[in-house]
All heavy atoms as atom14 arrays in JSON, in Angstrom:
{
  "sequence": "AITLPDGRMALVMADVSGKSVPGALLVSTLQASLRAYLESSFDLVSLV",
  "atom14_mask": [
    [1, 1, 1, 1, 1, 0, 0, 0, 0, 0, 0, 0, 0, 0],
    [1, 1, 1, 1, 1, 1, 1, 1, 0, 0, 0, 0, 0, 0],
    [1, 1, 1, 1, 1, 1, 1, 0, 0, 0, 0, 0, 0, 0],
    [1, 1, 1, 1, 1, 1, 1, 1, 0, 0, 0, 0, 0, 0],
    [1, 1, 1, 1, 1, 1, 1, 0, 0, 0, 0, 0, 0, 0],
    [1, 1, 1, 1, 1, 1, 1, 1, 0, 0, 0, 0, 0, 0],
    [1, 1, 1, 1, 0, 0, 0, 0, 0, 0, 0, 0, 0, 0],
    [1, 1, 1, 1, 1, 1, 1, 1, 1, 1, 1, 0, 0, 0],
    [1, 1, 1, 1, 1, 1, 1, 1, 0, 0, 0, 0, 0, 0],
    [1, 1, 1, 1, 1, 0, 0, 0, 0, 0, 0, 0, 0, 0],
    [1, 1, 1, 1, 1, 1, 1, 1, 0, 0, 0, 0, 0, 0],
    [1, 1, 1, 1, 1, 1, 1, 0, 0, 0, 0, 0, 0, 0],
    [1, 1, 1, 1, 1, 1, 1, 1, 0, 0, 0, 0, 0, 0],
    [1, 1, 1, 1, 1, 0, 0, 0, 0, 0, 0, 0, 0, 0],
    [1, 1, 1, 1, 1, 1, 1, 1, 0, 0, 0, 0, 0, 0],
    [1, 1, 1, 1, 1, 1, 1, 0, 0, 0, 0, 0, 0, 0],
    [1, 1, 1, 1, 1, 1, 0, 0, 0, 0, 0, 0, 0, 0],
    [1, 1, 1, 1, 0, 0, 0, 0, 0, 0, 0, 0, 0, 0],
    [1, 1, 1, 1, 1, 1, 1, 1, 1, 0, 0, 0, 0, 0],
    [1, 1, 1, 1, 1, 1, 0, 0, 0, 0, 0, 0, 0, 0],
    [1, 1, 1, 1, 1, 1, 1, 0, 0, 0, 0, 0, 0, 0],
    [1, 1, 1, 1, 1, 1, 1, 0, 0, 0, 0, 0, 0, 0],
    [1, 1, 1, 1, 0, 0, 0, 0, 0, 0, 0, 0, 0, 0],
    [1, 1, 1, 1, 1, 0, 0, 0, 0, 0, 0, 0, 0, 0],
    [1, 1, 1, 1, 1, 1, 1, 1, 0, 0, 0, 0, 0, 0],
    [1, 1, 1, 1, 1, 1, 1, 1, 0, 0, 0, 0, 0, 0],
    [1, 1, 1, 1, 1, 1, 1, 0, 0, 0, 0, 0, 0, 0],
    [1, 1, 1, 1, 1, 1, 0, 0, 0, 0, 0, 0, 0, 0],
    [1, 1, 1, 1, 1, 1, 1, 0, 0, 0, 0, 0, 0, 0],
    [1, 1, 1, 1, 1, 1, 1, 1, 0, 0, 0, 0, 0, 0],
    [1, 1, 1, 1, 1, 1, 1, 1, 1, 0, 0, 0, 0, 0],
    [1, 1, 1, 1, 1, 0, 0, 0, 0, 0, 0, 0, 0, 0],
    [1, 1, 1, 1, 1, 1, 0, 0, 0, 0, 0, 0, 0, 0],
    [1, 1, 1, 1, 1, 1, 1, 1, 0, 0, 0, 0, 0, 0],
    [1, 1, 1, 1, 1, 1, 1, 1, 1, 1, 1, 0, 0, 0],
    [1, 1, 1, 1, 1, 0, 0, 0, 0, 0, 0, 0, 0, 0],
    [1, 1, 1, 1, 1, 1, 1, 1, 1, 1, 1, 1, 0, 0],
    [1, 1, 1, 1, 1, 1, 1, 1, 0, 0, 0, 0, 0, 0],
    [1, 1, 1, 1, 1, 1, 1, 1, 1, 0, 0, 0, 0, 0],
    [1, 1, 1, 1, 1, 1, 0, 0, 0, 0, 0, 0, 0, 0],
    [1, 1, 1, 1, 1, 1, 0, 0, 0, 0, 0, 0, 0, 0],
    [1, 1, 1, 1, 1, 1, 1, 1, 1, 1, 1, 0, 0, 0],
    [1, 1, 1, 1, 1, 1, 1, 1, 0, 0, 0, 0, 0, 0],
    [1, 1, 1, 1, 1, 1, 1, 1, 0, 0, 0, 0, 0, 0],
    [1, 1, 1, 1, 1, 1, 1, 0, 0, 0, 0, 0, 0, 0],
    [1, 1, 1, 1, 1, 1, 0, 0, 0, 0, 0, 0, 0, 0],
    [1, 1, 1, 1, 1, 1, 1, 1, 0, 0, 0, 0, 0, 0],
    [1, 1, 1, 1, 1, 1, 1, 0, 0, 0, 0, 0, 0, 0]
  ],
  "atom14_positions": [
    [[1.25, -14.36, 15.29], [0.88, -13.01, 15.71], [1.98, -12.55, 16.65], [2.1, -13.05, 17.78], [-0.48, -13.0, 16.39], [0.0, 0.0, 0.0], [0.0, 0.0, 0.0], [0.0, 0.0, 0.0], [0.0, 0.0, 0.0], [0.0, 0.0, 0.0], [0.0, 0.0, 0.0], [0.0, 0.0, 0.0], [0.0, 0.0, 0.0], [0.0, 0.0, 0.0]],
    [[2.82, -11.63, 16.18], [4.06, -11.28, 16.87], [3.99, -9.84, 17.36], [3.86, -8.91, 16.57], [5.27, -11.45, 15.92], [5.27, -12.87, 15.33], [6.57, -11.16, 16.65], [6.15, -13.02, 14.11], [0.0, 0.0, 0.0], [0.0, 0.0, 0.0], [0.0, 0.0, 0.0], [0.0, 0.0, 0.0], [0.0, 0.0, 0.0], [0.0, 0.0, 0.0]],
    [[4.07, -9.68, 18.67], [4.06, -8.34, 19.24], [5.42, -7.67, 19.02], [6.46, -8.25, 19.36], [3.74, -8.38, 20.75], [2.48, -9.05, 20.94], [3.64, -6.98, 21.33], [0.0, 0.0, 0.0], [0.0, 0.0, 0.0], [0.0, 0.0, 0.0], [0.0, 0.0, 0.0], [0.0, 0.0, 0.0], [0.0, 0.0, 0.0], [0.0, 0.0, 0.0]],
    [[5.4, -6.46, 18.47], [6.63, -5.72, 18.16], [7.0, -4.81, 19.33], [6.15, -4.46, 20.16], [6.43, -4.92, 16.88], [6.01, -5.74, 15.66], [5.77, -4.82, 14.47], [7.07, -6.79, 15.33], [0.0, 0.0, 0.0], [0.0, 0.0, 0.0], [0.0, 0.0, 0.0], [0.0, 0.0, 0.0], [0.0, 0.0, 0.0], [0.0, 0.0, 0.0]],
    [[8.27, -4.42, 19.41], [8.72, -3.59, 20.54], [7.94, -2.28, 20.69], [7.8, -1.77, 21.81], [10.2, -3.31, 20.2], [10.6, -4.47, 19.34], [9.4, -4.82, 18.55], [0.0, 0.0, 0.0], [0.0, 0.0, 0.0], [0.0, 0.0, 0.0], [0.0, 0.0, 0.0], [0.0, 0.0, 0.0], [0.0, 0.0, 0.0], [0.0, 0.0, 0.0]],
    [[7.42, -1.71, 19.61], [6.72, -0.42, 19.69], [5.22, -0.59, 19.97], [4.46, 0.38, 19.92], [6.91, 0.38, 18.41], [6.41, -0.35, 17.16], [5.82, -1.44, 17.32], [6.62, 0.14, 16.04], [0.0, 0.0, 0.0], [0.0, 0.0, 0.0], [0.0, 0.0, 0.0], [0.0, 0.0, 0.0], [0.0, 0.0, 0.0], [0.0, 0.0, 0.0]],
    [[4.78, -1.82, 20.28], [3.38, -2.05, 20.61], [2.52, -2.49, 19.44], [1.37, -2.89, 19.64], [0.0, 0.0, 0.0], [0.0, 0.0, 0.0], [0.0, 0.0, 0.0], [0.0, 0.0, 0.0], [0.0, 0.0, 0.0], [0.0, 0.0, 0.0], [0.0, 0.0, 0.0], [0.0, 0.0, 0.0], [0.0, 0.0, 0.0], [0.0, 0.0, 0.0]],
    [[3.03, -2.41, 18.23], [2.27, -2.92, 17.08], [2.34, -4.44, 17.06], [3.09, -5.06, 17.81], [2.84, -2.35, 15.78], [2.71, -0.84, 15.63], [3.28, -0.38, 14.28], [4.7, -0.71, 14.15], [5.36, -0.77, 13.0], [4.73, -0.51, 11.86], [6.64, -1.09, 12.98], [0.0, 0.0, 0.0], [0.0, 0.0, 0.0], [0.0, 0.0, 0.0]],
    [[1.56, -5.03, 16.18], [1.57, -6.49, 16.05], [1.68, -6.89, 14.59], [0.97, -6.36, 13.73], [0.31, -7.12, 16.66], [0.22, -8.63, 16.45], [-1.09, -9.41, 17.4], [-0.27, -9.59, 18.99], [0.0, 0.0, 0.0], [0.0, 0.0, 0.0], [0.0, 0.0, 0.0], [0.0, 0.0, 0.0], [0.0, 0.0, 0.0], [0.0, 0.0, 0.0]],
    [[2.61, -7.83, 14.3], [2.76, -8.4, 12.97], [1.93, -9.67, 12.87], [1.97, -10.52, 13.77], [4.22, -8.71, 12.68], [0.0, 0.0, 0.0], [0.0, 0.0, 0.0], [0.0, 0.0, 0.0], [0.0, 0.0, 0.0], [0.0, 0.0, 0.0], [0.0, 0.0, 0.0], [0.0, 0.0, 0.0], [0.0, 0.0, 0.0], [0.0, 0.0, 0.0]],
    [[1.17, -9.78, 11.81], [0.33, -10.96, 11.56], [0.83, -11.66, 10.31], [1.13, -11.0, 9.31], [-1.13, -10.55, 11.36], [-1.77, -9.7, 12.45], [-3.12, -9.17, 11.98], [-1.92, -10.49, 13.74], [0.0, 0.0, 0.0], [0.0, 0.0, 0.0], [0.0, 0.0, 0.0], [0.0, 0.0, 0.0], [0.0, 0.0, 0.0], [0.0, 0.0, 0.0]],
    [[0.87, -12.97, 10.35], [1.31, -13.7, 9.17], [0.46, -14.95, 8.99], [0.1, -15.63, 9.96], [2.82, -14.08, 9.27], [3.09, -14.92, 10.51], [3.28, -14.82, 8.02], [0.0, 0.0, 0.0], [0.0, 0.0, 0.0], [0.0, 0.0, 0.0], [0.0, 0.0, 0.0], [0.0, 0.0, 0.0], [0.0, 0.0, 0.0], [0.0, 0.0, 0.0]],
    [[0.1, -15.22, 7.75], [-0.61, -16.44, 7.37], [0.06, -16.94, 6.09], [0.15, -16.2, 5.11], [-2.08, -16.16, 7.13], [-2.9, -17.37, 6.68], [-3.05, -18.68, 7.91], [-3.96, -17.86, 9.21], [0.0, 0.0, 0.0], [0.0, 0.0, 0.0], [0.0, 0.0, 0.0], [0.0, 0.0, 0.0], [0.0, 0.0, 0.0], [0.0, 0.0, 0.0]],
    [[0.56, -18.17, 6.11], [1.35, -18.66, 4.97], [1.07, -20.14, 4.72], [0.67, -20.88, 5.62], [2.84, -18.44, 5.22], [0.0, 0.0, 0.0], [0.0, 0.0, 0.0], [0.0, 0.0, 0.0], [0.0, 0.0, 0.0], [0.0, 0.0, 0.0], [0.0, 0.0, 0.0], [0.0, 0.0, 0.0], [0.0, 0.0, 0.0], [0.0, 0.0, 0.0]],
    [[1.33, -20.55, 3.48], [1.13, -21.95, 3.08], [2.18, -22.29, 2.03], [2.25, -21.65, 0.98], [-0.28, -22.14, 2.51], [-0.62, -23.59, 2.24], [0.22, -24.46, 2.53], [-1.72, -23.86, 1.74], [0.0, 0.0, 0.0], [0.0, 0.0, 0.0], [0.0, 0.0, 0.0], [0.0, 0.0, 0.0], [0.0, 0.0, 0.0], [0.0, 0.0, 0.0]],
    [[3.0, -23.3, 2.31], [4.04, -23.7, 1.37], [3.47, -24.72, 0.38], [2.65, -25.55, 0.74], [5.26, -24.28, 2.1], [4.9, -25.55, 2.84], [6.42, -24.53, 1.16], [0.0, 0.0, 0.0], [0.0, 0.0, 0.0], [0.0, 0.0, 0.0], [0.0, 0.0, 0.0], [0.0, 0.0, 0.0], [0.0, 0.0, 0.0], [0.0, 0.0, 0.0]],
    [[3.89, -24.62, -0.88], [3.47, -25.61, -1.87], [4.13, -26.95, -1.54], [5.27, -27.01, -1.11], [3.89, -25.16, -3.28], [5.31, -25.1, -3.37], [0.0, 0.0, 0.0], [0.0, 0.0, 0.0], [0.0, 0.0, 0.0], [0.0, 0.0, 0.0], [0.0, 0.0, 0.0], [0.0, 0.0, 0.0], [0.0, 0.0, 0.0], [0.0, 0.0, 0.0]],
    [[3.39, -28.02, -1.76], [3.94, -29.34, -1.46], [3.79, -29.7, 0.01], [3.35, -28.9, 0.82], [0.0, 0.0, 0.0], [0.0, 0.0, 0.0], [0.0, 0.0, 0.0], [0.0, 0.0, 0.0], [0.0, 0.0, 0.0], [0.0, 0.0, 0.0], [0.0, 0.0, 0.0], [0.0, 0.0, 0.0], [0.0, 0.0, 0.0], [0.0, 0.0, 0.0]],
    [[4.16, -30.92, 0.33], [3.95, -31.43, 1.68], [5.22, -32.05, 2.22], [6.28, -31.97, 1.63], [2.82, -32.46, 1.69], [1.49, -31.92, 1.15], [0.43, -32.97, 1.2], [-0.86, -32.51, 0.56], [-1.44, -31.33, 1.21], [0.0, 0.0, 0.0], [0.0, 0.0, 0.0], [0.0, 0.0, 0.0], [0.0, 0.0, 0.0], [0.0, 0.0, 0.0]],
    [[5.1, -32.7, 3.37], [6.14, -33.47, 4.01], [7.29, -32.6, 4.51], [7.16, -31.4, 4.68], [6.64, -34.57, 3.06], [7.39, -35.52, 3.76], [0.0, 0.0, 0.0], [0.0, 0.0, 0.0], [0.0, 0.0, 0.0], [0.0, 0.0, 0.0], [0.0, 0.0, 0.0], [0.0, 0.0, 0.0], [0.0, 0.0, 0.0], [0.0, 0.0, 0.0]],
    [[8.44, -33.24, 4.75], [9.56, -32.58, 5.41], [10.06, -31.36, 4.65], [10.31, -30.32, 5.25], [10.7, -33.59, 5.64], [11.92, -32.89, 6.2], [10.24, -34.67, 6.61], [0.0, 0.0, 0.0], [0.0, 0.0, 0.0], [0.0, 0.0, 0.0], [0.0, 0.0, 0.0], [0.0, 0.0, 0.0], [0.0, 0.0, 0.0], [0.0, 0.0, 0.0]],
    [[10.25, -31.41, 3.32], [10.74, -30.21, 2.63], [9.85, -28.99, 2.85], [10.35, -27.87, 3.05], [10.75, -30.63, 1.15], [10.92, -32.1, 1.19], [10.13, -32.55, 2.38], [0.0, 0.0, 0.0], [0.0, 0.0, 0.0], [0.0, 0.0, 0.0], [0.0, 0.0, 0.0], [0.0, 0.0, 0.0], [0.0, 0.0, 0.0], [0.0, 0.0, 0.0]],
    [[8.53, -29.2, 2.83], [7.62, -28.08, 3.06], [7.74, -27.53, 4.46], [7.77, -26.32, 4.67], [0.0, 0.0, 0.0], [0.0, 0.0, 0.0], [0.0, 0.0, 0.0], [0.0, 0.0, 0.0], [0.0, 0.0, 0.0], [0.0, 0.0, 0.0], [0.0, 0.0, 0.0], [0.0, 0.0, 0.0], [0.0, 0.0, 0.0], [0.0, 0.0, 0.0]],
    [[7.81, -28.42, 5.45], [7.93, -27.98, 6.84], [9.23, -27.23, 7.07], [9.28, -26.24, 7.8], [7.83, -29.19, 7.77], [0.0, 0.0, 0.0], [0.0, 0.0, 0.0], [0.0, 0.0, 0.0], [0.0, 0.0, 0.0], [0.0, 0.0, 0.0], [0.0, 0.0, 0.0], [0.0, 0.0, 0.0], [0.0, 0.0, 0.0], [0.0, 0.0, 0.0]],
    [[10.31, -27.7, 6.44], [11.59, -27.02, 6.59], [11.57, -25.63, 5.96], [12.15, -24.68, 6.5], [12.71, -27.86, 5.96], [13.05, -29.16, 6.68], [14.06, -29.97, 5.88], [13.6, -28.86, 8.07], [0.0, 0.0, 0.0], [0.0, 0.0, 0.0], [0.0, 0.0, 0.0], [0.0, 0.0, 0.0], [0.0, 0.0, 0.0], [0.0, 0.0, 0.0]],
    [[10.87, -25.49, 4.84], [10.8, -24.19, 4.18], [9.98, -23.21, 5.02], [10.33, -22.03, 5.13], [10.2, -24.33, 2.79], [10.4, -23.14, 1.84], [11.87, -22.81, 1.67], [9.77, -23.42, 0.48], [0.0, 0.0, 0.0], [0.0, 0.0, 0.0], [0.0, 0.0, 0.0], [0.0, 0.0, 0.0], [0.0, 0.0, 0.0], [0.0, 0.0, 0.0]],
    [[8.91, -23.7, 5.63], [8.13, -22.85, 6.54], [8.98, -22.43, 7.73], [8.92, -21.3, 8.2], [6.86, -23.58, 7.01], [6.2, -22.82, 8.15], [5.87, -23.72, 5.86], [0.0, 0.0, 0.0], [0.0, 0.0, 0.0], [0.0, 0.0, 0.0], [0.0, 0.0, 0.0], [0.0, 0.0, 0.0], [0.0, 0.0, 0.0], [0.0, 0.0, 0.0]],
    [[9.81, -23.36, 8.21], [10.71, -23.04, 9.31], [11.69, -21.94, 8.92], [12.0, -21.05, 9.72], [11.47, -24.29, 9.75], [12.32, -24.02, 10.83], [0.0, 0.0, 0.0], [0.0, 0.0, 0.0], [0.0, 0.0, 0.0], [0.0, 0.0, 0.0], [0.0, 0.0, 0.0], [0.0, 0.0, 0.0], [0.0, 0.0, 0.0], [0.0, 0.0, 0.0]],
    [[12.15, -21.98, 7.67], [13.04, -20.92, 7.17], [12.32, -19.58, 7.15], [12.88, -18.55, 7.55], [13.53, -21.27, 5.75], [14.27, -22.49, 5.79], [14.4, -20.17, 5.18], [0.0, 0.0, 0.0], [0.0, 0.0, 0.0], [0.0, 0.0, 0.0], [0.0, 0.0, 0.0], [0.0, 0.0, 0.0], [0.0, 0.0, 0.0], [0.0, 0.0, 0.0]],
    [[11.06, -19.59, 6.7], [10.28, -18.36, 6.68], [10.1, -17.81, 8.09], [10.3, -16.61, 8.33], [8.91, -18.62, 6.05], [7.89, -17.48, 6.13], [8.37, -16.28, 5.32], [6.51, -17.93, 5.66], [0.0, 0.0, 0.0], [0.0, 0.0, 0.0], [0.0, 0.0, 0.0], [0.0, 0.0, 0.0], [0.0, 0.0, 0.0], [0.0, 0.0, 0.0]],
    [[9.74, -18.66, 9.02], [9.5, -18.22, 10.39], [10.75, -17.63, 11.03], [10.72, -16.56, 11.64], [8.98, -19.39, 11.22], [8.51, -19.02, 12.62], [9.52, -19.39, 13.69], [10.63, -19.84, 13.38], [9.15, -19.18, 14.94], [0.0, 0.0, 0.0], [0.0, 0.0, 0.0], [0.0, 0.0, 0.0], [0.0, 0.0, 0.0], [0.0, 0.0, 0.0]],
    [[11.89, -18.31, 10.86], [13.13, -17.83, 11.45], [13.57, -16.5, 10.82], [13.99, -15.58, 11.53], [14.22, -18.89, 11.28], [0.0, 0.0, 0.0], [0.0, 0.0, 0.0], [0.0, 0.0, 0.0], [0.0, 0.0, 0.0], [0.0, 0.0, 0.0], [0.0, 0.0, 0.0], [0.0, 0.0, 0.0], [0.0, 0.0, 0.0], [0.0, 0.0, 0.0]],
    [[13.45, -16.4, 9.49], [13.85, -15.17, 8.8], [12.95, -14.01, 9.21], [13.42, -12.89, 9.47], [13.79, -15.37, 7.29], [14.64, -16.41, 6.88], [0.0, 0.0, 0.0], [0.0, 0.0, 0.0], [0.0, 0.0, 0.0], [0.0, 0.0, 0.0], [0.0, 0.0, 0.0], [0.0, 0.0, 0.0], [0.0, 0.0, 0.0], [0.0, 0.0, 0.0]],
    [[11.63, -14.27, 9.25], [10.69, -13.22, 9.62], [10.96, -12.71, 11.02], [11.01, -11.49, 11.27], [9.26, -13.76, 9.52], [8.14, -12.81, 9.95], [8.13, -11.56, 9.08], [6.79, -13.52, 9.89], [0.0, 0.0, 0.0], [0.0, 0.0, 0.0], [0.0, 0.0, 0.0], [0.0, 0.0, 0.0], [0.0, 0.0, 0.0], [0.0, 0.0, 0.0]],
    [[11.15, -13.61, 11.96], [11.42, -13.22, 13.34], [12.7, -12.38, 13.43], [12.76, -11.4, 14.19], [11.55, -14.46, 14.22], [10.23, -15.19, 14.44], [9.6, -14.75, 15.73], [8.31, -15.39, 15.99], [7.64, -15.2, 17.12], [8.13, -14.41, 18.06], [6.46, -15.77, 17.29], [0.0, 0.0, 0.0], [0.0, 0.0, 0.0], [0.0, 0.0, 0.0]],
    [[13.7, -12.77, 12.67], [14.97, -12.03, 12.69], [14.8, -10.62, 12.12], [15.28, -9.63, 12.68], [16.04, -12.79, 11.91], [0.0, 0.0, 0.0], [0.0, 0.0, 0.0], [0.0, 0.0, 0.0], [0.0, 0.0, 0.0], [0.0, 0.0, 0.0], [0.0, 0.0, 0.0], [0.0, 0.0, 0.0], [0.0, 0.0, 0.0], [0.0, 0.0, 0.0]],
    [[14.09, -10.52, 10.99], [13.9, -9.21, 10.36], [13.04, -8.28, 11.22], [13.21, -7.06, 11.19], [13.24, -9.38, 8.98], [14.12, -10.06, 7.96], [13.57, -10.89, 6.98], [15.49, -9.89, 7.95], [14.36, -11.53, 6.03], [16.3, -10.52, 7.01], [15.74, -11.34, 6.06], [16.52, -11.95, 5.12], [0.0, 0.0, 0.0], [0.0, 0.0, 0.0]],
    [[12.13, -8.84, 12.0], [11.26, -8.03, 12.84], [11.97, -7.45, 14.06], [11.43, -6.58, 14.74], [10.05, -8.84, 13.3], [9.03, -9.22, 12.22], [7.93, -10.1, 12.81], [8.43, -7.98, 11.56], [0.0, 0.0, 0.0], [0.0, 0.0, 0.0], [0.0, 0.0, 0.0], [0.0, 0.0, 0.0], [0.0, 0.0, 0.0], [0.0, 0.0, 0.0]],
    [[13.18, -7.93, 14.33], [13.93, -7.43, 15.47], [14.39, -5.98, 15.28], [14.62, -5.26, 16.24], [15.16, -8.32, 15.73], [14.83, -9.7, 16.25], [14.25, -9.67, 17.65], [14.64, -8.8, 18.45], [13.37, -10.51, 17.94], [0.0, 0.0, 0.0], [0.0, 0.0, 0.0], [0.0, 0.0, 0.0], [0.0, 0.0, 0.0], [0.0, 0.0, 0.0]],
    [[14.54, -5.56, 14.03], [14.98, -4.19, 13.74], [13.84, -3.44, 13.04], [12.83, -4.02, 12.66], [16.23, -4.21, 12.87], [16.01, -4.95, 11.68], [0.0, 0.0, 0.0], [0.0, 0.0, 0.0], [0.0, 0.0, 0.0], [0.0, 0.0, 0.0], [0.0, 0.0, 0.0], [0.0, 0.0, 0.0], [0.0, 0.0, 0.0], [0.0, 0.0, 0.0]],
    [[14.02, -2.13, 12.88], [12.99, -1.33, 12.21], [12.85, -1.78, 10.76], [13.82, -2.22, 10.13], [13.36, 0.15, 12.28], [14.59, 0.39, 11.64], [0.0, 0.0, 0.0], [0.0, 0.0, 0.0], [0.0, 0.0, 0.0], [0.0, 0.0, 0.0], [0.0, 0.0, 0.0], [0.0, 0.0, 0.0], [0.0, 0.0, 0.0], [0.0, 0.0, 0.0]],
    [[11.65, -1.65, 10.21], [11.39, -2.14, 8.85], [10.19, -1.42, 8.27], [9.37, -0.85, 8.98], [11.11, -3.65, 8.88], [9.84, -4.01, 9.61], [8.64, -4.12, 8.92], [9.84, -4.2, 10.98], [7.47, -4.43, 9.59], [8.67, -4.51, 11.66], [7.48, -4.63, 10.97], [0.0, 0.0, 0.0], [0.0, 0.0, 0.0], [0.0, 0.0, 0.0]],
    [[10.11, -1.43, 6.95], [8.85, -1.12, 6.29], [8.4, -2.39, 5.61], [9.21, -3.24, 5.21], [9.0, 0.05, 5.29], [9.8, -0.33, 4.07], [9.21, -0.91, 3.13], [11.02, -0.07, 4.04], [0.0, 0.0, 0.0], [0.0, 0.0, 0.0], [0.0, 0.0, 0.0], [0.0, 0.0, 0.0], [0.0, 0.0, 0.0], [0.0, 0.0, 0.0]],
    [[7.11, -2.55, 5.47], [6.53, -3.84, 5.11], [6.97, -4.32, 3.73], [7.3, -5.49, 3.54], [5.0, -3.75, 5.18], [4.23, -5.05, 5.39], [4.79, -5.81, 6.58], [2.76, -4.76, 5.59], [0.0, 0.0, 0.0], [0.0, 0.0, 0.0], [0.0, 0.0, 0.0], [0.0, 0.0, 0.0], [0.0, 0.0, 0.0], [0.0, 0.0, 0.0]],
    [[7.0, -3.44, 2.74], [7.38, -3.84, 1.39], [8.82, -4.34, 1.36], [9.12, -5.38, 0.76], [7.17, -2.67, 0.4], [7.83, -2.99, -0.94], [5.69, -2.41, 0.2], [0.0, 0.0, 0.0], [0.0, 0.0, 0.0], [0.0, 0.0, 0.0], [0.0, 0.0, 0.0], [0.0, 0.0, 0.0], [0.0, 0.0, 0.0], [0.0, 0.0, 0.0]],
    [[9.73, -3.61, 2.0], [11.13, -4.05, 2.04], [11.27, -5.39, 2.74], [12.07, -6.24, 2.33], [11.99, -3.0, 2.74], [11.99, -1.79, 2.04], [0.0, 0.0, 0.0], [0.0, 0.0, 0.0], [0.0, 0.0, 0.0], [0.0, 0.0, 0.0], [0.0, 0.0, 0.0], [0.0, 0.0, 0.0], [0.0, 0.0, 0.0], [0.0, 0.0, 0.0]],
    [[10.48, -5.59, 3.8], [10.52, -6.85, 4.53], [10.1, -8.0, 3.63], [10.75, -9.06, 3.59], [9.61, -6.76, 5.75], [9.39, -8.05, 6.55], [10.71, -8.56, 7.09], [8.41, -7.82, 7.67], [0.0, 0.0, 0.0], [0.0, 0.0, 0.0], [0.0, 0.0, 0.0], [0.0, 0.0, 0.0], [0.0, 0.0, 0.0], [0.0, 0.0, 0.0]],
    [[9.02, -7.83, 2.87], [8.54, -8.9, 1.99], [9.56, -9.17, 0.89], [9.77, -10.33, 0.5], [7.15, -8.55, 1.41], [6.71, -9.59, 0.41], [6.13, -8.43, 2.53], [0.0, 0.0, 0.0], [0.0, 0.0, 0.0], [0.0, 0.0, 0.0], [0.0, 0.0, 0.0], [0.0, 0.0, 0.0], [0.0, 0.0, 0.0], [0.0, 0.0, 0.0]]
  ]
}
């Protein structure tokens, strides 16, 4: 649940297929990319 600069909040719920280290690393990629994209203005469809 990420508070945005304009006071809105981004919510995310995700589940990677598979388990163990590869799955955790892929989730880490999602989290880092999402956080980076949220730093600038966006529309939701383009972000996804």
